[in-house]
């Protein structure tokens, strides 16, 4: 399952963990993606949407 929001396009972001000794290791921030049955053009469509889009009512849940 791709970790990308179908509404806003939010996806994974890469960066570094930085320790107190300034050691750097790779890490990933992932968005909170949920499967939602949404209403689009009076039809029920299954979408992958981030919780920010659900909360801001950019998606009409069925």
PDB file of N, CA and C in Angstrom:
ATOM      1  N   UNK A   1       0.840  -1.169   0.000  1.00  0.00           N
ATOM      2  CA  UNK A   1       0.000   0.000   0.000  1.00  0.00           C
ATOM      3  C   UNK A   1       0.888   1.236   0.000  1.00  0.00           C
ATOM      4  N   UNK A   2       0.676   2.105  -0.969  1.00  0.00           N
ATOM      5  CA  UNK A   2       1.483   3.315  -1.005  1.00  0.00           C
ATOM      6  C   UNK A   2       1.073   4.233   0.134  1.00  0.00           C
ATOM      7  N   UNK A   3       2.036   4.877   0.731  1.00  0.00           N
ATOM      8  CA  UNK A   3       1.763   5.771   1.856  1.00  0.00           C
ATOM      9  C   UNK A   3       1.651   7.187   1.334  1.00  0.00           C
ATOM     10  N   UNK A   4       0.570   7.452   0.601  1.00  0.00           N
ATOM     11  CA  UNK A   4       0.351   8.761   0.017  1.00  0.00           C
ATOM     12  C   UNK A   4      -1.134   9.094   0.092  1.00  0.00           C
ATOM     13  N   UNK A   5      -1.441  10.313   0.506  1.00  0.00           N
ATOM     14  CA  UNK A   5      -2.828  10.751   0.617  1.00  0.00           C
ATOM     15  C   UNK A   5      -3.365  11.053  -0.775  1.00  0.00           C
ATOM     16  N   UNK A   6      -4.573  10.541  -1.077  1.00  0.00           N
ATOM     17  CA  UNK A   6      -5.187  10.782  -2.380  1.00  0.00           C
ATOM     18  C   UNK A   6      -5.703  12.209  -2.527  1.00  0.00           C
ATOM     19  N   UNK A   7      -5.873  12.931  -1.436  1.00  0.00           N
ATOM     20  CA  UNK A   7      -6.405  14.297  -1.484  1.00  0.00           C
ATOM     21  C   UNK A   7      -5.277  15.323  -1.563  1.00  0.00           C
ATOM     22  N   UNK A   8      -4.416  15.345  -0.566  1.00  0.00           N
ATOM     23  CA  UNK A   8      -3.397  16.400  -0.493  1.00  0.00           C
ATOM     24  C   UNK A   8      -2.025  15.962  -1.006  1.00  0.00           C
ATOM     25  N   UNK A   9      -1.822  14.656  -1.200  1.00  0.00           N
ATOM     26  CA  UNK A   9      -0.543  14.178  -1.717  1.00  0.00           C
ATOM     27  C   UNK A   9       0.547  14.016  -0.668  1.00  0.00           C
ATOM     28  N   UNK A  10       0.179  14.128   0.607  1.00  0.00           N
ATOM     29  CA  UNK A  10       1.163  13.963   1.677  1.00  0.00           C
ATOM     30  C   UNK A  10       1.738  12.559   1.623  1.00  0.00           C
ATOM     31  N   UNK A  11       3.088  12.440   1.717  1.00  0.00           N
ATOM     32  CA  UNK A  11       3.733  11.136   1.649  1.00  0.00           C
ATOM     33  C   UNK A  11       4.904  11.098   2.624  1.00  0.00           C
ATOM     34  N   UNK A  12       5.683  10.014   2.566  1.00  0.00           N
ATOM     35  CA  UNK A  12       6.780   9.839   3.499  1.00  0.00           C
ATOM     36  C   UNK A  12       7.863  10.891   3.265  1.00  0.00           C
ATOM     37  N   UNK A  13       8.561  11.235   4.366  1.00  0.00           N
ATOM     38  CA  UNK A  13       9.660  12.194   4.317  1.00  0.00           C
ATOM     39  C   UNK A  13      10.848  11.551   5.015  1.00  0.00           C
ATOM     40  N   UNK A  14      12.032  11.646   4.415  1.00  0.00           N
ATOM     41  CA  UNK A  14      13.233  11.047   4.989  1.00  0.00           C
ATOM     42  C   UNK A  14      14.082  12.113   5.659  1.00  0.00           C
ATOM     43  N   UNK A  15      14.829  11.668   6.672  1.00  0.00           N
ATOM     44  CA  UNK A  15      15.721  12.570   7.382  1.00  0.00           C
ATOM     45  C   UNK A  15      16.676  11.777   8.241  1.00  0.00           C
ATOM     46  N   UNK A  16      17.205  12.411   9.267  1.00  0.00           N
ATOM     47  CA  UNK A  16      18.172  11.770  10.138  1.00  0.00           C
ATOM     48  C   UNK A  16      17.735  11.834  11.592  1.00  0.00           C
ATOM     49  N   UNK A  17      18.003  10.740  12.338  1.00  0.00           N
ATOM     50  CA  UNK A  17      18.038  10.818  13.794  1.00  0.00           C
ATOM     51  C   UNK A  17      19.397  11.402  14.146  1.00  0.00           C
ATOM     52  N   UNK A  18      19.420  12.371  15.027  1.00  0.00           N
ATOM     53  CA  UNK A  18      20.686  12.968  15.438  1.00  0.00           C
ATOM     54  C   UNK A  18      20.824  12.775  16.948  1.00  0.00           C
ATOM     55  N   UNK A  19      21.850  12.041  17.348  1.00  0.00           N
ATOM     56  CA  UNK A  19      22.067  11.766  18.768  1.00  0.00           C
ATOM     57  C   UNK A  19      22.767  12.953  19.430  1.00  0.00           C
ATOM     58  N   UNK A  20      22.882  12.878  20.745  1.00  0.00           N
ATOM     59  CA  UNK A  20      23.580  13.928  21.500  1.00  0.00           C
ATOM     60  C   UNK A  20      25.049  14.014  21.077  1.00  0.00           C
ATOM     61  N   UNK A  21      25.619  12.879  20.637  1.00  0.00           N
ATOM     62  CA  UNK A  21      27.007  12.846  20.166  1.00  0.00           C
ATOM     63  C   UNK A  21      27.102  13.201  18.682  1.00  0.00           C
ATOM     64  N   UNK A  22      25.990  13.680  18.108  1.00  0.00           N
ATOM     65  CA  UNK A  22      25.910  14.114  16.708  1.00  0.00           C
ATOM     66  C   UNK A  22      26.110  12.959  15.721  1.00  0.00           C
ATOM     67  N   UNK A  23      25.775  11.713  16.161  1.00  0.00           N
ATOM     68  CA  UNK A  23      25.744  10.588  15.225  1.00  0.00           C
ATOM     69  C   UNK A  23      24.446  10.665  14.444  1.00  0.00           C
ATOM     70  N   UNK A  24      24.511  10.385  13.153  1.00  0.00           N
ATOM     71  CA  UNK A  24      23.324  10.499  12.305  1.00  0.00           C
ATOM     72  C   UNK A  24      22.969   9.142  11.713  1.00  0.00           C
ATOM     73  N   UNK A  25      21.711   8.738  11.860  1.00  0.00           N
ATOM     74  CA  UNK A  25      21.192   7.527  11.236  1.00  0.00           C
ATOM     75  C   UNK A  25      19.908   7.887  10.511  1.00  0.00           C
ATOM     76  N   UNK A  26      19.663   7.223   9.406  1.00  0.00           N
ATOM     77  CA  UNK A  26      18.486   7.522   8.592  1.00  0.00           C
ATOM     78  C   UNK A  26      17.202   7.132   9.307  1.00  0.00           C
ATOM     79  N   UNK A  27      16.160   7.913   9.078  1.00  0.00           N
ATOM     80  CA  UNK A  27      14.841   7.597   9.612  1.00  0.00           C
ATOM     81  C   UNK A  27      13.791   8.139   8.653  1.00  0.00           C
ATOM     82  N   UNK A  28      12.542   7.716   8.864  1.00  0.00           N
ATOM     83  CA  UNK A  28      11.449   8.091   7.974  1.00  0.00           C
ATOM     84  C   UNK A  28      10.263   8.565   8.803  1.00  0.00           C
ATOM     85  N   UNK A  29       9.625   9.662   8.376  1.00  0.00           N
ATOM     86  CA  UNK A  29       8.367  10.114   8.954  1.00  0.00           C
ATOM     87  C   UNK A  29       7.266   9.688   8.008  1.00  0.00           C
ATOM     88  N   UNK A  30       6.269   8.962   8.517  1.00  0.00           N
ATOM     89  CA  UNK A  30       5.174   8.481   7.683  1.00  0.00           C
ATOM     90  C   UNK A  30       3.882   9.177   8.086  1.00  0.00           C
ATOM     91  N   UNK A  31       3.061   9.562   7.107  1.00  0.00           N
ATOM     92  CA  UNK A  31       1.771  10.182   7.437  1.00  0.00           C
ATOM     93  C   UNK A  31       0.792   9.125   7.936  1.00  0.00           C
ATOM     94  N   UNK A  32      -0.185   9.569   8.694  1.00  0.00           N
ATOM     95  CA  UNK A  32      -1.212   8.670   9.222  1.00  0.00           C
ATOM     96  C   UNK A  32      -2.282   8.496   8.148  1.00  0.00           C
ATOM     97  N   UNK A  33      -2.162   7.439   7.346  1.00  0.00           N
ATOM     98  CA  UNK A  33      -3.057   7.179   6.219  1.00  0.00           C
ATOM     99  C   UNK A  33      -4.124   6.179   6.642  1.00  0.00           C
ATOM    100  N   UNK A  34      -5.379   6.498   6.338  1.00  0.00           N
ATOM    101  CA  UNK A  34      -6.511   5.631   6.660  1.00  0.00           C
ATOM    102  C   UNK A  34      -7.270   5.299   5.379  1.00  0.00           C
ATOM    103  N   UNK A  35      -7.807   4.074   5.315  1.00  0.00           N
ATOM    104  CA  UNK A  35      -8.706   3.718   4.207  1.00  0.00           C
ATOM    105  C   UNK A  35     -10.097   4.189   4.568  1.00  0.00           C
ATOM    106  N   UNK A  36     -10.715   4.964   3.667  1.00  0.00           N
ATOM    107  CA  UNK A  36     -12.007   5.581   3.942  1.00  0.00           C
ATOM    108  C   UNK A  36     -12.918   5.358   2.754  1.00  0.00           C
ATOM    109  N   UNK A  37     -14.176   5.021   3.044  1.00  0.00           N
ATOM    110  CA  UNK A  37     -15.186   5.017   1.997  1.00  0.00           C
ATOM    111  C   UNK A  37     -15.745   6.429   1.910  1.00  0.00           C
ATOM    112  N   UNK A  38     -15.444   7.107   0.811  1.00  0.00           N
ATOM    113  CA  UNK A  38     -15.834   8.500   0.649  1.00  0.00           C
ATOM    114  C   UNK A  38     -16.872   8.618  -0.459  1.00  0.00           C
ATOM    115  N   UNK A  39     -17.637   9.706  -0.394  1.00  0.00           N
ATOM    116  CA  UNK A  39     -18.648   9.974  -1.414  1.00  0.00           C
ATOM    117  C   UNK A  39     -18.045  10.939  -2.433  1.00  0.00           C
ATOM    118  N   UNK A  40     -17.925  10.484  -3.681  1.00  0.00           N
ATOM    119  CA  UNK A  40     -17.424  11.308  -4.773  1.00  0.00           C
ATOM    120  C   UNK A  40     -18.417  11.183  -5.929  1.00  0.00           C
ATOM    121  N   UNK A  41     -19.013  12.293  -6.338  1.00  0.00           N
ATOM    122  CA  UNK A  41     -20.016  12.310  -7.412  1.00  0.00           C
ATOM    123  C   UNK A  41     -21.162  11.339  -7.126  1.00  0.00           C
ATOM    124  N   UNK A  42     -21.650  11.348  -5.886  1.00  0.00           N
ATOM    125  CA  UNK A  42     -22.749  10.485  -5.435  1.00  0.00           C
ATOM    126  C   UNK A  42     -22.443   8.993  -5.562  1.00  0.00           C
ATOM    127  N   UNK A  43     -21.164   8.635  -5.540  1.00  0.00           N
ATOM    128  CA  UNK A  43     -20.757   7.231  -5.572  1.00  0.00           C
ATOM    129  C   UNK A  43     -19.810   6.990  -4.399  1.00  0.00           C
ATOM    130  N   UNK A  44     -19.863   5.780  -3.856  1.00  0.00           N
ATOM    131  CA  UNK A  44     -18.973   5.416  -2.774  1.00  0.00           C
ATOM    132  C   UNK A  44     -17.650   4.920  -3.354  1.00  0.00           C
ATOM    133  N   UNK A  45     -16.555   5.574  -2.946  1.00  0.00           N
ATOM    134  CA  UNK A  45     -15.235   5.246  -3.462  1.00  0.00           C
ATOM    135  C   UNK A  45     -14.304   5.010  -2.280  1.00  0.00           C
ATOM    136  N   UNK A  46     -13.507   3.942  -2.342  1.00  0.00           N
ATOM    137  CA  UNK A  46     -12.522   3.672  -1.309  1.00  0.00           C
ATOM    138  C   UNK A  46     -11.269   4.478  -1.618  1.00  0.00           C
ATOM    139  N   UNK A  47     -10.831   5.283  -0.636  1.00  0.00           N
ATOM    140  CA  UNK A  47      -9.679   6.149  -0.828  1.00  0.00           C
ATOM    141  C   UNK A  47      -8.707   5.991   0.333  1.00  0.00           C
ATOM    142  N   UNK A  48      -7.437   6.328   0.075  1.00  0.00           N
ATOM    143  CA  UNK A  48      -6.435   6.404   1.128  1.00  0.00           C
ATOM    144  C   UNK A  48      -6.229   7.883   1.435  1.00  0.00           C
ATOM    145  N   UNK A  49      -6.589   8.276   2.658  1.00  0.00           N
ATOM    146  CA  UNK A  49      -6.614   9.685   3.020  1.00  0.00           C
ATOM    147  C   UNK A  49      -5.899   9.877   4.351  1.00  0.00           C
ATOM    148  N   UNK A  50      -5.154  10.970   4.484  1.00  0.00           N
ATOM    149  CA  UNK A  50      -4.492  11.266   5.753  1.00  0.00           C
ATOM    150  C   UNK A  50      -5.520  11.801   6.747  1.00  0.00           C
ATOM    151  N   UNK A  51      -5.210  11.662   8.029  1.00  0.00           N
ATOM    152  CA  UNK A  51      -6.149  12.068   9.061  1.00  0.00           C
ATOM    153  C   UNK A  51      -6.364  13.575   9.075  1.00  0.00           C
ATOM    154  N   UNK A  52      -5.411  14.349   8.617  1.00  0.00           N
ATOM    155  CA  UNK A  52      -5.583  15.807   8.543  1.00  0.00           C
ATOM    156  C   UNK A  52      -6.701  16.160   7.556  1.00  0.00           C
ATOM    157  N   UNK A  53      -6.774  15.457   6.424  1.00  0.00           N
ATOM    158  CA  UNK A  53      -7.838  15.710   5.445  1.00  0.00           C
ATOM    159  C   UNK A  53      -9.192  15.248   5.964  1.00  0.00           C
ATOM    160  N   UNK A  54      -9.220  14.146   6.720  1.00  0.00           N
ATOM    161  CA  UNK A  54     -10.470  13.672   7.309  1.00  0.00           C
ATOM    162  C   UNK A  54     -10.970  14.679   8.335  1.00  0.00           C
ATOM    163  N   UNK A  55     -10.073  15.171   9.184  1.00  0.00           N
ATOM    164  CA  UNK A  55     -10.430  16.071  10.257  1.00  0.00           C
ATOM    165  C   UNK A  55     -10.877  17.435   9.737  1.00  0.00           C
ATOM    166  N   UNK A  56     -10.259  17.905   8.635  1.00  0.00           N
ATOM    167  CA  UNK A  56     -10.619  19.210   8.085  1.00  0.00           C
ATOM    168  C   UNK A  56     -11.780  19.122   7.101  1.00  0.00           C
ATOM    169  N   UNK A  57     -12.401  17.926   7.030  1.00  0.00           N
ATOM    170  CA  UNK A  57     -13.594  17.688   6.228  1.00  0.00           C
ATOM    171  C   UNK A  57     -13.398  17.952   4.740  1.00  0.00           C
ATOM    172  N   UNK A  58     -12.207  17.628   4.231  1.00  0.00           N
ATOM    173  CA  UNK A  58     -11.968  17.664   2.785  1.00  0.00           C
ATOM    174  C   UNK A  58     -12.547  16.416   2.134  1.00  0.00           C
ATOM    175  N   UNK A  59     -12.916  15.425   2.975  1.00  0.00           N
ATOM    176  CA  UNK A  59     -13.494  14.168   2.503  1.00  0.00           C
ATOM    177  C   UNK A  59     -14.859  13.997   3.161  1.00  0.00           C
ATOM    178  N   UNK A  60     -15.838  13.608   2.369  1.00  0.00           N
ATOM    179  CA  UNK A  60     -17.156  13.289   2.918  1.00  0.00           C
ATOM    180  C   UNK A  60     -17.215  11.791   3.087  1.00  0.00           C
ATOM    181  N   UNK A  61     -17.195  11.347   4.362  1.00  0.00           N
ATOM    182  CA  UNK A  61     -17.211   9.910   4.629  1.00  0.00           C
ATOM    183  C   UNK A  61     -18.614   9.357   4.422  1.00  0.00           C
ATOM    184  N   UNK A  62     -18.676   8.097   4.025  1.00  0.00           N
ATOM    185  CA  UNK A  62     -19.948   7.439   3.807  1.00  0.00           C
ATOM    186  C   UNK A  62     -20.276   6.588   4.982  1.00  0.00           C
TER     187      UNK A  62
END
